[in-house]
Amino acid sequence: MQRLHRYLGSLLVGAALIAPVGIQANDKDRNCPDKGYYDRDHKDCHNWDDHEDRAYQSWEKSQRKTHREFSKLKDKEQSEYWKWRHEHPDNDNDRRP
């Protein structure tokens, strides 16, 4: 029984240490509109609309990538796109700090 208590105690302490990190990561994403994406490297939000979709398709062509939904990309690929996007601005009405 004492072994079970130690196990549960360790589990609860571990969960208590990890929970704030998960909550903090979600708070950043909540600051974006419903159809928005948070750019962690530049710390800003981007609305995803037809305008952004065209820019994304342009990036795919420039990178010679086959089309995939942006939401299905790995975090690294999404970061690559946002880096490219910041290097290729177009009035950026779709971005807010």
Protein backbone atom coordinates (compact mmCIF):
# COMPACT_ATOMS: atom_id res chain seq x y z
CA MET A 1 0.00 0.00 0.00
CA GLN A 2 2.83 2.37 0.84
CA ARG A 3 4.36 1.69 -2.57
CA LEU A 4 1.09 2.72 -4.23
CA HIS A 5 1.06 6.00 -2.27
CA ARG A 6 4.62 6.80 -3.39
CA TYR A 7 3.71 6.08 -7.00
CA LEU A 8 0.61 8.27 -6.89
CA GLY A 9 2.51 11.02 -5.09
CA SER A 10 5.22 11.03 -7.75
CA LEU A 11 2.61 11.06 -10.48
CA LEU A 12 0.82 14.06 -8.95
CA VAL A 13 4.05 16.01 -8.46
CA GLY A 14 5.05 15.33 -12.08
CA ALA A 15 1.66 16.47 -13.36
CA ALA A 16 1.83 19.63 -11.24
CA LEU A 17 5.22 20.50 -12.73
CA ILE A 18 4.16 19.90 -16.34
CA ALA A 19 0.69 21.54 -16.27
CA PRO A 20 1.82 25.21 -16.22
CA VAL A 21 3.94 24.69 -19.35
CA GLY A 22 0.97 23.28 -21.27
CA ILE A 23 -1.35 26.03 -20.11
CA GLN A 24 1.15 28.75 -21.06
CA ALA A 25 1.56 27.35 -24.59
CA ASN A 26 -2.22 27.29 -25.11
CA ASP A 27 -2.65 30.87 -23.86
CA LYS A 28 -0.49 32.17 -26.71
CA ASP A 29 -2.65 30.40 -29.28
CA ARG A 30 -5.86 31.66 -27.67
CA ASN A 31 -4.86 35.24 -28.39
CA CYS A 32 -5.33 34.56 -32.11
CA PRO A 33 -8.71 34.74 -33.83
CA ASP A 34 -10.59 31.53 -34.61
CA LYS A 35 -9.08 31.22 -38.07
CA GLY A 36 -5.68 32.44 -36.99
CA TYR A 37 -2.26 30.96 -36.44
CA TYR A 38 0.32 32.03 -33.90
CA ASP A 39 3.83 32.56 -35.25
CA ARG A 40 6.04 31.65 -32.29
CA ASP A 41 9.26 32.96 -33.82
CA HIS A 42 7.85 36.42 -34.55
CA LYS A 43 5.32 36.36 -31.69
CA ASP A 44 2.35 37.49 -33.77
CA CYS A 45 -0.93 36.16 -35.12
CA HIS A 46 -1.90 35.65 -38.73
CA ASN A 47 -5.49 35.42 -39.90
CA TRP A 48 -5.97 32.58 -42.35
CA ASP A 49 -8.15 33.75 -45.21
CA ASP A 50 -8.10 33.60 -49.03
CA HIS A 51 -5.30 36.17 -49.09
CA GLU A 52 -3.08 34.11 -46.77
CA ASP A 53 -3.98 30.94 -48.64
CA ARG A 54 -2.70 32.47 -51.91
CA ALA A 55 0.53 33.51 -50.19
CA TYR A 56 0.88 29.97 -48.81
CA GLN A 57 0.37 28.46 -52.27
CA SER A 58 3.04 30.84 -53.59
CA TRP A 59 5.42 29.60 -50.90
CA GLU A 60 4.65 25.97 -51.77
CA LYS A 61 5.50 26.64 -55.43
CA SER A 62 8.70 28.50 -54.55
CA GLN A 63 9.75 25.57 -52.33
CA ARG A 64 8.60 23.02 -54.95
CA LYS A 65 6.38 21.34 -52.38
CA THR A 66 3.22 19.42 -53.15
CA HIS A 67 0.09 21.01 -51.70
CA ARG A 68 -0.81 20.12 -48.12
CA GLU A 69 -3.12 21.88 -45.74
CA PHE A 70 -1.16 24.30 -43.58
CA SER A 71 -2.62 22.81 -40.41
CA LYS A 72 -1.20 19.40 -41.38
CA LEU A 73 2.40 20.69 -41.62
CA LYS A 74 4.90 19.93 -38.89
CA ASP A 75 5.83 22.82 -36.58
CA LYS A 76 9.19 23.22 -38.31
CA GLU A 77 7.55 23.58 -41.73
CA GLN A 78 5.02 26.07 -40.37
CA SER A 79 7.90 28.11 -38.91
CA GLU A 80 9.66 28.02 -42.30
CA TYR A 81 6.51 29.36 -43.92
CA TRP A 82 6.10 32.21 -41.40
CA LYS A 83 9.78 33.12 -41.83
CA TRP A 84 9.25 33.29 -45.61
CA ARG A 85 6.02 35.22 -45.09
CA HIS A 86 7.76 37.88 -43.03
CA GLU A 87 10.43 38.17 -45.71
CA HIS A 88 7.71 38.59 -48.39
CA PRO A 89 5.25 41.09 -46.91
CA ASP A 90 2.32 42.55 -48.82
CA ASN A 91 0.80 45.26 -46.64
CA ASP A 92 0.39 42.57 -43.96
CA ASN A 93 -3.13 43.63 -43.01
CA ASP A 94 -3.55 39.99 -42.03
CA ARG A 95 -1.07 40.17 -39.17
CA ARG A 96 -1.44 41.69 -35.75
CA PRO A 97 1.15 41.84 -32.95
